[in-house]
PDB file of all heavy atoms in Angstrom:
ATOM      1  N   SER A   1       0.823  -1.224   0.000  1.00  0.00           N
ATOM      2  CA  SER A   1       0.000   0.000   0.000  1.00  0.00           C
ATOM      3  C   SER A   1       0.851   1.265   0.000  1.00  0.00           C
ATOM      4  O   SER A   1       0.476   2.273  -0.600  1.00  0.00           O
ATOM      5  CB  SER A   1      -0.916   0.009   1.231  1.00  0.00           C
ATOM      6  OG  SER A   1      -1.820  -1.066   1.212  1.00  0.00           O
ATOM      7  N   PHE A   2       1.995   1.221   0.670  1.00  0.00           N
ATOM      8  CA  PHE A   2       2.871   2.398   0.794  1.00  0.00           C
ATOM      9  C   PHE A   2       4.269   2.011   0.306  1.00  0.00           C
ATOM     10  O   PHE A   2       5.191   1.798   1.092  1.00  0.00           O
ATOM     11  CB  PHE A   2       2.910   2.869   2.254  1.00  0.00           C
ATOM     12  CG  PHE A   2       1.549   3.106   2.852  1.00  0.00           C
ATOM     13  CD1 PHE A   2       0.934   2.130   3.628  1.00  0.00           C
ATOM     14  CD2 PHE A   2       0.864   4.295   2.619  1.00  0.00           C
ATOM     15  CE1 PHE A   2      -0.323   2.347   4.185  1.00  0.00           C
ATOM     16  CE2 PHE A   2      -0.395   4.513   3.168  1.00  0.00           C
ATOM     17  CZ  PHE A   2      -0.990   3.541   3.938  1.00  0.00           C
ATOM     18  N   TRP A   3       4.426   1.919  -1.012  1.00  0.00           N
ATOM     19  CA  TRP A   3       5.636   1.369  -1.609  1.00  0.00           C
ATOM     20  C   TRP A   3       6.771   2.387  -1.705  1.00  0.00           C
ATOM     21  O   TRP A   3       7.926   2.030  -1.917  1.00  0.00           O
ATOM     22  CB  TRP A   3       5.326   0.818  -3.004  1.00  0.00           C
ATOM     23  CG  TRP A   3       4.834   1.867  -3.964  1.00  0.00           C
ATOM     24  CD1 TRP A   3       3.550   2.285  -4.122  1.00  0.00           C
ATOM     25  CD2 TRP A   3       5.627   2.632  -4.862  1.00  0.00           C
ATOM     26  NE1 TRP A   3       3.472   3.271  -5.068  1.00  0.00           N
ATOM     27  CE2 TRP A   3       4.748   3.499  -5.550  1.00  0.00           C
ATOM     28  CE3 TRP A   3       6.992   2.679  -5.177  1.00  0.00           C
ATOM     29  CZ2 TRP A   3       5.184   4.401  -6.522  1.00  0.00           C
ATOM     30  CZ3 TRP A   3       7.434   3.576  -6.145  1.00  0.00           C
ATOM     31  CH2 TRP A   3       6.541   4.411  -6.803  1.00  0.00           C
ATOM     32  N   HIS A   4       6.451   3.653  -1.526  1.00  0.00           N
ATOM     33  CA  HIS A   4       7.455   4.723  -1.609  1.00  0.00           C
ATOM     34  C   HIS A   4       7.293   5.622  -0.379  1.00  0.00           C
ATOM     35  O   HIS A   4       6.181   5.806   0.123  1.00  0.00           O
ATOM     36  CB  HIS A   4       7.258   5.537  -2.897  1.00  0.00           C
ATOM     37  CG  HIS A   4       8.421   6.403  -3.264  1.00  0.00           C
ATOM     38  ND1 HIS A   4       8.725   7.574  -2.601  1.00  0.00           N
ATOM     39  CD2 HIS A   4       9.364   6.275  -4.239  1.00  0.00           C
ATOM     40  CE1 HIS A   4       9.797   8.127  -3.154  1.00  0.00           C
ATOM     41  NE2 HIS A   4      10.211   7.360  -4.156  1.00  0.00           N
ATOM     42  N   ALA A   5       8.405   6.157   0.107  1.00  0.00           N
ATOM     43  CA  ALA A   5       8.333   7.040   1.275  1.00  0.00           C
ATOM     44  C   ALA A   5       7.404   8.219   1.030  1.00  0.00           C
ATOM     45  O   ALA A   5       6.744   8.724   1.960  1.00  0.00           O
ATOM     46  CB  ALA A   5       9.733   7.531   1.638  1.00  0.00           C
ATOM     47  N   ASP A   6       7.317   8.662  -0.228  1.00  0.00           N
ATOM     48  CA  ASP A   6       6.435   9.785  -0.563  1.00  0.00           C
ATOM     49  C   ASP A   6       4.959   9.430  -0.399  1.00  0.00           C
ATOM     50  O   ASP A   6       4.109  10.330  -0.268  1.00  0.00           O
ATOM     51  CB  ASP A   6       6.690  10.251  -2.004  1.00  0.00           C
ATOM     52  CG  ASP A   6       8.001  11.020  -2.136  1.00  0.00           C
ATOM     53  OD1 ASP A   6       8.621  11.304  -1.091  1.00  0.00           O
ATOM     54  OD2 ASP A   6       8.412  11.313  -3.278  1.00  0.00           O
ATOM     55  N   CYS A   7       4.635   8.133  -0.422  1.00  0.00           N
ATOM     56  CA  CYS A   7       3.258   7.694  -0.195  1.00  0.00           C
ATOM     57  C   CYS A   7       2.821   8.009   1.226  1.00  0.00           C
ATOM     58  O   CYS A   7       1.617   8.014   1.530  1.00  0.00           O
ATOM     59  CB  CYS A   7       3.123   6.185  -0.436  1.00  0.00           C
ATOM     60  SG  CYS A   7       3.391   5.667  -2.135  1.00  0.00           S
ATOM     61  N   VAL A   8       3.780   8.290   2.097  1.00  0.00           N
ATOM     62  CA  VAL A   8       3.512   8.592   3.497  1.00  0.00           C
ATOM     63  C   VAL A   8       3.687  10.088   3.761  1.00  0.00           C
ATOM     64  O   VAL A   8       2.754  10.787   4.165  1.00  0.00           O
ATOM     65  CB  VAL A   8       4.446   7.768   4.417  1.00  0.00           C
ATOM     66  CG1 VAL A   8       4.194   8.110   5.888  1.00  0.00           C
ATOM     67  CG2 VAL A   8       4.258   6.277   4.173  1.00  0.00           C
ATOM     68  N   ARG A   9       4.888  10.579   3.504  1.00  0.00           N
ATOM     69  CA  ARG A   9       5.223  11.940   3.934  1.00  0.00           C
ATOM     70  C   ARG A   9       4.604  13.046   3.076  1.00  0.00           C
ATOM     71  O   ARG A   9       4.464  14.184   3.521  1.00  0.00           O
ATOM     72  CB  ARG A   9       6.737  12.104   3.964  1.00  0.00           C
ATOM     73  CG  ARG A   9       7.430  11.922   2.617  1.00  0.00           C
ATOM     74  CD  ARG A   9       8.925  11.786   2.804  1.00  0.00           C
ATOM     75  NE  ARG A   9       9.642  11.555   1.557  1.00  0.00           N
ATOM     76  CZ  ARG A   9      10.896  11.122   1.502  1.00  0.00           C
ATOM     77  NH1 ARG A   9      11.560  10.879   2.632  1.00  0.00           N
ATOM     78  NH2 ARG A   9      11.492  10.929   0.340  1.00  0.00           N
ATOM     79  N   LYS A  10       4.198  12.738   1.844  1.00  0.00           N
ATOM     80  CA  LYS A  10       3.666  13.775   0.957  1.00  0.00           C
ATOM     81  C   LYS A  10       2.165  14.005   1.119  1.00  0.00           C
ATOM     82  O   LYS A  10       1.614  14.938   0.526  1.00  0.00           O
ATOM     83  CB  LYS A  10       3.956  13.409  -0.509  1.00  0.00           C
ATOM     84  CG  LYS A  10       5.437  13.408  -0.897  1.00  0.00           C
ATOM     85  CD  LYS A  10       6.004  14.814  -0.915  1.00  0.00           C
ATOM     86  CE  LYS A  10       7.436  14.823  -1.458  1.00  0.00           C
ATOM     87  NZ  LYS A  10       8.012  16.184  -1.481  1.00  0.00           N
ATOM     88  N   ILE A  11       1.505  13.160   1.913  1.00  0.00           N
ATOM     89  CA  ILE A  11       0.041  13.293   2.025  1.00  0.00           C
ATOM     90  C   ILE A  11      -0.396  13.891   3.363  1.00  0.00           C
ATOM     91  O   ILE A  11      -1.584  14.111   3.583  1.00  0.00           O
ATOM     92  CB  ILE A  11      -0.648  11.924   1.818  1.00  0.00           C
ATOM     93  CG1 ILE A  11      -0.190  10.919   2.884  1.00  0.00           C
ATOM     94  CG2 ILE A  11      -0.355  11.373   0.430  1.00  0.00           C
ATOM     95  CD1 ILE A  11      -0.917   9.574   2.803  1.00  0.00           C
ATOM     96  N   GLY A  12       0.570  14.143   4.246  1.00  0.00           N
ATOM     97  CA  GLY A  12       0.240  14.735   5.539  1.00  0.00           C
ATOM     98  C   GLY A  12      -0.148  13.677   6.563  1.00  0.00           C
ATOM     99  O   GLY A  12      -0.651  12.606   6.224  1.00  0.00           O
ATOM    100  N   LEU A  13       0.083  13.993   7.828  1.00  0.00           N
ATOM    101  CA  LEU A  13      -0.137  13.036   8.900  1.00  0.00           C
ATOM    102  C   LEU A  13      -1.598  12.613   9.020  1.00  0.00           C
ATOM    103  O   LEU A  13      -1.906  11.433   9.205  1.00  0.00           O
ATOM    104  CB  LEU A  13       0.346  13.619  10.231  1.00  0.00           C
ATOM    105  CG  LEU A  13       0.106  12.754  11.474  1.00  0.00           C
ATOM    106  CD1 LEU A  13       0.772  11.388  11.316  1.00  0.00           C
ATOM    107  CD2 LEU A  13       0.611  13.471  12.724  1.00  0.00           C
ATOM    108  N   LYS A  14      -2.522  13.568   8.889  1.00  0.00           N
ATOM    109  CA  LYS A  14      -3.945  13.259   9.070  1.00  0.00           C
ATOM    110  C   LYS A  14      -4.434  12.258   8.015  1.00  0.00           C
ATOM    111  O   LYS A  14      -5.102  11.265   8.342  1.00  0.00           O
ATOM    112  CB  LYS A  14      -4.768  14.543   9.003  1.00  0.00           C
ATOM    113  CG  LYS A  14      -6.254  14.313   9.260  1.00  0.00           C
ATOM    114  CD  LYS A  14      -7.007  15.636   9.245  1.00  0.00           C
ATOM    115  CE  LYS A  14      -8.496  15.408   9.485  1.00  0.00           C
ATOM    116  NZ  LYS A  14      -9.263  16.673   9.481  1.00  0.00           N
ATOM    117  N   THR A  15      -4.095  12.556   6.755  1.00  0.00           N
ATOM    118  CA  THR A  15      -4.524  11.666   5.672  1.00  0.00           C
ATOM    119  C   THR A  15      -3.865  10.297   5.797  1.00  0.00           C
ATOM    120  O   THR A  15      -4.500   9.252   5.600  1.00  0.00           O
ATOM    121  CB  THR A  15      -4.183  12.283   4.301  1.00  0.00           C
ATOM    122  OG1 THR A  15      -4.816  13.550   4.187  1.00  0.00           O
ATOM    123  CG2 THR A  15      -4.651  11.377   3.167  1.00  0.00           C
ATOM    124  N   PHE A  16      -2.560  10.304   6.126  1.00  0.00           N
ATOM    125  CA  PHE A  16      -1.852   9.026   6.266  1.00  0.00           C
ATOM    126  C   PHE A  16      -2.440   8.199   7.403  1.00  0.00           C
ATOM    127  O   PHE A  16      -2.598   6.989   7.276  1.00  0.00           O
ATOM    128  CB  PHE A  16      -0.357   9.251   6.518  1.00  0.00           C
ATOM    129  CG  PHE A  16       0.377   7.992   6.857  1.00  0.00           C
ATOM    130  CD1 PHE A  16       0.558   6.989   5.909  1.00  0.00           C
ATOM    131  CD2 PHE A  16       0.847   7.768   8.155  1.00  0.00           C
ATOM    132  CE1 PHE A  16       1.203   5.803   6.236  1.00  0.00           C
ATOM    133  CE2 PHE A  16       1.494   6.585   8.487  1.00  0.00           C
ATOM    134  CZ  PHE A  16       1.679   5.600   7.527  1.00  0.00           C
ATOM    135  N   THR A  17      -2.793   8.859   8.508  1.00  0.00           N
ATOM    136  CA  THR A  17      -3.367   8.147   9.652  1.00  0.00           C
ATOM    137  C   THR A  17      -4.644   7.429   9.244  1.00  0.00           C
ATOM    138  O   THR A  17      -4.877   6.277   9.612  1.00  0.00           O
ATOM    139  CB  THR A  17      -3.658   9.119  10.807  1.00  0.00           C
ATOM    140  OG1 THR A  17      -2.437   9.717  11.239  1.00  0.00           O
ATOM    141  CG2 THR A  17      -4.311   8.399  11.984  1.00  0.00           C
ATOM    142  N   GLU A  18      -5.472   8.118   8.477  1.00  0.00           N
ATOM    143  CA  GLU A  18      -6.728   7.513   8.040  1.00  0.00           C
ATOM    144  C   GLU A  18      -6.478   6.340   7.095  1.00  0.00           C
ATOM    145  O   GLU A  18      -7.134   5.294   7.187  1.00  0.00           O
ATOM    146  CB  GLU A  18      -7.601   8.568   7.357  1.00  0.00           C
ATOM    147  CG  GLU A  18      -9.028   8.101   7.069  1.00  0.00           C
ATOM    148  CD  GLU A  18      -9.769   7.662   8.334  1.00  0.00           C
ATOM    149  OE1 GLU A  18      -9.507   8.214   9.424  1.00  0.00           O
ATOM    150  OE2 GLU A  18     -10.613   6.743   8.228  1.00  0.00           O
ATOM    151  N   ARG A  19      -5.512   6.529   6.177  1.00  0.00           N
ATOM    152  CA  ARG A  19      -5.203   5.452   5.239  1.00  0.00           C
ATOM    153  C   ARG A  19      -4.562   4.252   5.951  1.00  0.00           C
ATOM    154  O   ARG A  19      -4.834   3.103   5.600  1.00  0.00           O
ATOM    155  CB  ARG A  19      -4.273   5.962   4.130  1.00  0.00           C
ATOM    156  CG  ARG A  19      -4.966   6.926   3.189  1.00  0.00           C
ATOM    157  CD  ARG A  19      -4.065   7.342   2.041  1.00  0.00           C
ATOM    158  NE  ARG A  19      -4.740   8.312   1.178  1.00  0.00           N
ATOM    159  CZ  ARG A  19      -4.192   8.864   0.101  1.00  0.00           C
ATOM    160  NH1 ARG A  19      -2.943   8.542  -0.252  1.00  0.00           N
ATOM    161  NH2 ARG A  19      -4.863   9.727  -0.625  1.00  0.00           N
ATOM    162  N   TYR A  20      -3.747   4.549   6.939  1.00  0.00           N
ATOM    163  CA  TYR A  20      -3.114   3.468   7.691  1.00  0.00           C
ATOM    164  C   TYR A  20      -4.167   2.707   8.506  1.00  0.00           C
ATOM    165  O   TYR A  20      -4.121   1.488   8.620  1.00  0.00           O
ATOM    166  CB  TYR A  20      -2.022   4.015   8.617  1.00  0.00           C
ATOM    167  CG  TYR A  20      -1.337   2.941   9.432  1.00  0.00           C
ATOM    168  CD1 TYR A  20      -0.429   2.065   8.859  1.00  0.00           C
ATOM    169  CD2 TYR A  20      -1.626   2.785  10.797  1.00  0.00           C
ATOM    170  CE1 TYR A  20       0.178   1.066   9.598  1.00  0.00           C
ATOM    171  CE2 TYR A  20      -1.018   1.790  11.556  1.00  0.00           C
ATOM    172  CZ  TYR A  20      -0.119   0.938  10.946  1.00  0.00           C
ATOM    173  OH  TYR A  20       0.479  -0.057  11.683  1.00  0.00           O
ATOM    174  N   ARG A  21      -5.136   3.442   9.046  1.00  0.00           N
ATOM    175  CA  ARG A  21      -6.233   2.806   9.791  1.00  0.00           C
ATOM    176  C   ARG A  21      -7.015   1.856   8.875  1.00  0.00           C
ATOM    177  O   ARG A  21      -7.337   0.727   9.253  1.00  0.00           O
ATOM    178  CB  ARG A  21      -7.167   3.873  10.360  1.00  0.00           C
ATOM    179  CG  ARG A  21      -8.248   3.301  11.316  1.00  0.00           C
ATOM    180  CD  ARG A  21      -9.348   4.332  11.547  1.00  0.00           C
ATOM    181  NE  ARG A  21      -8.803   5.596  12.007  1.00  0.00           N
ATOM    182  CZ  ARG A  21      -8.534   5.891  13.276  1.00  0.00           C
ATOM    183  NH1 ARG A  21      -8.754   4.983  14.210  1.00  0.00           N
ATOM    184  NH2 ARG A  21      -8.046   7.075  13.611  1.00  0.00           N
ATOM    185  N   ASN A  22      -7.303   2.316   7.660  1.00  0.00           N
ATOM    186  CA  ASN A  22      -8.015   1.482   6.695  1.00  0.00           C
ATOM    187  C   ASN A  22      -7.186   0.257   6.284  1.00  0.00           C
ATOM    188  O   ASN A  22      -7.732  -0.832   6.072  1.00  0.00           O
ATOM    189  CB  ASN A  22      -8.376   2.305   5.452  1.00  0.00           C
ATOM    190  CG  ASN A  22      -9.426   3.361   5.749  1.00  0.00           C
ATOM    191  OD1 ASN A  22     -10.218   3.217   6.683  1.00  0.00           O
ATOM    192  ND2 ASN A  22      -9.438   4.441   4.967  1.00  0.00           N
ATOM    193  N   PHE A  23      -5.878   0.496   6.173  1.00  0.00           N
ATOM    194  CA  PHE A  23      -4.976  -0.613   5.839  1.00  0.00           C
ATOM    195  C   PHE A  23      -5.046  -1.701   6.919  1.00  0.00           C
ATOM    196  O   PHE A  23      -5.164  -2.892   6.609  1.00  0.00           O
ATOM    197  CB  PHE A  23      -3.536  -0.090   5.708  1.00  0.00           C
ATOM    198  CG  PHE A  23      -2.481  -1.136   5.920  1.00  0.00           C
ATOM    199  CD1 PHE A  23      -2.167  -2.046   4.919  1.00  0.00           C
ATOM    200  CD2 PHE A  23      -1.794  -1.226   7.134  1.00  0.00           C
ATOM    201  CE1 PHE A  23      -1.193  -3.036   5.122  1.00  0.00           C
ATOM    202  CE2 PHE A  23      -0.823  -2.199   7.346  1.00  0.00           C
ATOM    203  CZ  PHE A  23      -0.528  -3.107   6.338  1.00  0.00           C
ATOM    204  N   CYS A  24      -4.984  -1.303   8.179  1.00  0.00           N
ATOM    205  CA  CYS A  24      -5.043  -2.261   9.284  1.00  0.00           C
ATOM    206  C   CYS A  24      -6.379  -3.004   9.302  1.00  0.00           C
ATOM    207  O   CYS A  24      -6.432  -4.232   9.512  1.00  0.00           O
ATOM    208  CB  CYS A  24      -4.824  -1.552  10.620  1.00  0.00           C
ATOM    209  SG  CYS A  24      -3.142  -0.951  10.876  1.00  0.00           S
ATOM    210  N   LYS A  25      -7.447  -2.270   9.065  1.00  0.00           N
ATOM    211  CA  LYS A  25      -8.776  -2.874   9.066  1.00  0.00           C
ATOM    212  C   LYS A  25      -8.915  -3.880   7.925  1.00  0.00           C
ATOM    213  O   LYS A  25      -9.452  -4.977   8.103  1.00  0.00           O
ATOM    214  CB  LYS A  25      -9.843  -1.779   8.941  1.00  0.00           C
ATOM    215  CG  LYS A  25     -11.271  -2.309   8.975  1.00  0.00           C
ATOM    216  CD  LYS A  25     -12.275  -1.165   8.897  1.00  0.00           C
ATOM    217  CE  LYS A  25     -13.707  -1.689   8.930  1.00  0.00           C
ATOM    218  NZ  LYS A  25     -14.695  -0.586   8.842  1.00  0.00           N
ATOM    219  N   HIS A  26      -8.420  -3.506   6.751  1.00  0.00           N
ATOM    220  CA  HIS A  26      -8.525  -4.360   5.565  1.00  0.00           C
ATOM    221  C   HIS A  26      -7.767  -5.682   5.749  1.00  0.00           C
ATOM    222  O   HIS A  26      -8.245  -6.743   5.342  1.00  0.00           O
ATOM    223  CB  HIS A  26      -8.000  -3.613   4.339  1.00  0.00           C
ATOM    224  CG  HIS A  26      -7.989  -4.448   3.088  1.00  0.00           C
ATOM    225  ND1 HIS A  26      -9.145  -4.780   2.403  1.00  0.00           N
ATOM    226  CD2 HIS A  26      -6.954  -5.027   2.403  1.00  0.00           C
ATOM    227  CE1 HIS A  26      -8.827  -5.532   1.357  1.00  0.00           C
ATOM    228  NE2 HIS A  26      -7.501  -5.689   1.332  1.00  0.00           N
ATOM    229  N   HIS A  27      -6.603  -5.607   6.376  1.00  0.00           N
ATOM    230  CA  HIS A  27      -5.762  -6.794   6.525  1.00  0.00           C
ATOM    231  C   HIS A  27      -5.930  -7.484   7.880  1.00  0.00           C
ATOM    232  O   HIS A  27      -5.288  -8.519   8.125  1.00  0.00           O
ATOM    233  CB  HIS A  27      -4.290  -6.423   6.325  1.00  0.00           C
ATOM    234  CG  HIS A  27      -3.949  -6.046   4.913  1.00  0.00           C
ATOM    235  ND1 HIS A  27      -3.719  -6.975   3.929  1.00  0.00           N
ATOM    236  CD2 HIS A  27      -3.807  -4.826   4.321  1.00  0.00           C
ATOM    237  CE1 HIS A  27      -3.441  -6.363   2.783  1.00  0.00           C
ATOM    238  NE2 HIS A  27      -3.489  -5.056   2.993  1.00  0.00           N
ATOM    239  N   GLY A  28      -6.753  -6.925   8.746  1.00  0.00           N
ATOM    240  CA  GLY A  28      -6.994  -7.550  10.032  1.00  0.00           C
ATOM    241  C   GLY A  28      -5.899  -7.343  11.054  1.00  0.00           C
ATOM    242  O   GLY A  28      -5.706  -8.187  11.948  1.00  0.00           O
ATOM    243  N   TYR A  29      -5.158  -6.235  10.950  1.00  0.00           N
ATOM    244  CA  TYR A  29      -4.112  -5.925  11.930  1.00  0.00           C
ATOM    245  C   TYR A  29      -4.654  -4.977  12.991  1.00  0.00           C
ATOM    246  O   TYR A  29      -5.563  -4.173  12.721  1.00  0.00           O
ATOM    247  CB  TYR A  29      -2.902  -5.271  11.248  1.00  0.00           C
ATOM    248  CG  TYR A  29      -2.166  -6.172  10.286  1.00  0.00           C
ATOM    249  CD1 TYR A  29      -2.139  -5.899   8.914  1.00  0.00           C
ATOM    250  CD2 TYR A  29      -1.481  -7.298  10.741  1.00  0.00           C
ATOM    251  CE1 TYR A  29      -1.468  -6.716   8.030  1.00  0.00           C
ATOM    252  CE2 TYR A  29      -0.797  -8.126   9.858  1.00  0.00           C
ATOM    253  CZ  TYR A  29      -0.795  -7.829   8.505  1.00  0.00           C
ATOM    254  OH  TYR A  29      -0.127  -8.644   7.631  1.00  0.00           O
ATOM    255  N   ASN A  30      -4.104  -5.076  14.198  1.00  0.00           N
ATOM    256  CA  ASN A  30      -4.490  -4.150  15.260  1.00  0.00           C
ATOM    257  C   ASN A  30      -3.999  -2.747  14.924  1.00  0.00           C
ATOM    258  O   ASN A  30      -2.855  -2.561  14.495  1.00  0.00           O
ATOM    259  CB  ASN A  30      -3.889  -4.590  16.599  1.00  0.00           C
ATOM    260  CG  ASN A  30      -4.532  -5.863  17.124  1.00  0.00           C
ATOM    261  OD1 ASN A  30      -5.712  -6.122  16.866  1.00  0.00           O
ATOM    262  ND2 ASN A  30      -3.760  -6.671  17.838  1.00  0.00           N
ATOM    263  N   PHE A  31      -4.855  -1.768  15.120  1.00  0.00           N
ATOM    264  CA  PHE A  31      -4.473  -0.372  14.875  1.00  0.00           C
ATOM    265  C   PHE A  31      -3.982   0.240  16.186  1.00  0.00           C
ATOM    266  O   PHE A  31      -4.722   0.305  17.165  1.00  0.00           O
ATOM    267  CB  PHE A  31      -5.654   0.428  14.334  1.00  0.00           C
ATOM    268  CG  PHE A  31      -5.358   1.890  14.172  1.00  0.00           C
ATOM    269  CD1 PHE A  31      -4.599   2.349  13.106  1.00  0.00           C
ATOM    270  CD2 PHE A  31      -5.837   2.821  15.106  1.00  0.00           C
ATOM    271  CE1 PHE A  31      -4.311   3.706  12.960  1.00  0.00           C
ATOM    272  CE2 PHE A  31      -5.547   4.166  14.972  1.00  0.00           C
ATOM    273  CZ  PHE A  31      -4.786   4.617  13.896  1.00  0.00           C
ATOM    274  N   GLN A  32      -2.734   0.661  16.185  1.00  0.00           N
ATOM    275  CA  GLN A  32      -2.161   1.341  17.346  1.00  0.00           C
ATOM    276  C   GLN A  32      -2.133   2.839  17.060  1.00  0.00           C
ATOM    277  O   GLN A  32      -1.481   3.283  16.116  1.00  0.00           O
ATOM    278  CB  GLN A  32      -0.738   0.820  17.612  1.00  0.00           C
ATOM    279  CG  GLN A  32      -0.690  -0.673  17.932  1.00  0.00           C
ATOM    280  CD  GLN A  32       0.736  -1.210  18.009  1.00  0.00           C
ATOM    281  OE1 GLN A  32       1.550  -0.945  17.138  1.00  0.00           O
ATOM    282  NE2 GLN A  32       1.019  -1.946  19.067  1.00  0.00           N
TER     283      GLN A  32
END
């Protein structure tokens, strides 16, 4: 989902947090 560092740092913390939350939910990982 995040194959390049820019996939994280270029979208801002708020947007990345939401996308990371969705990533955890989709794959069944605990969201910390």
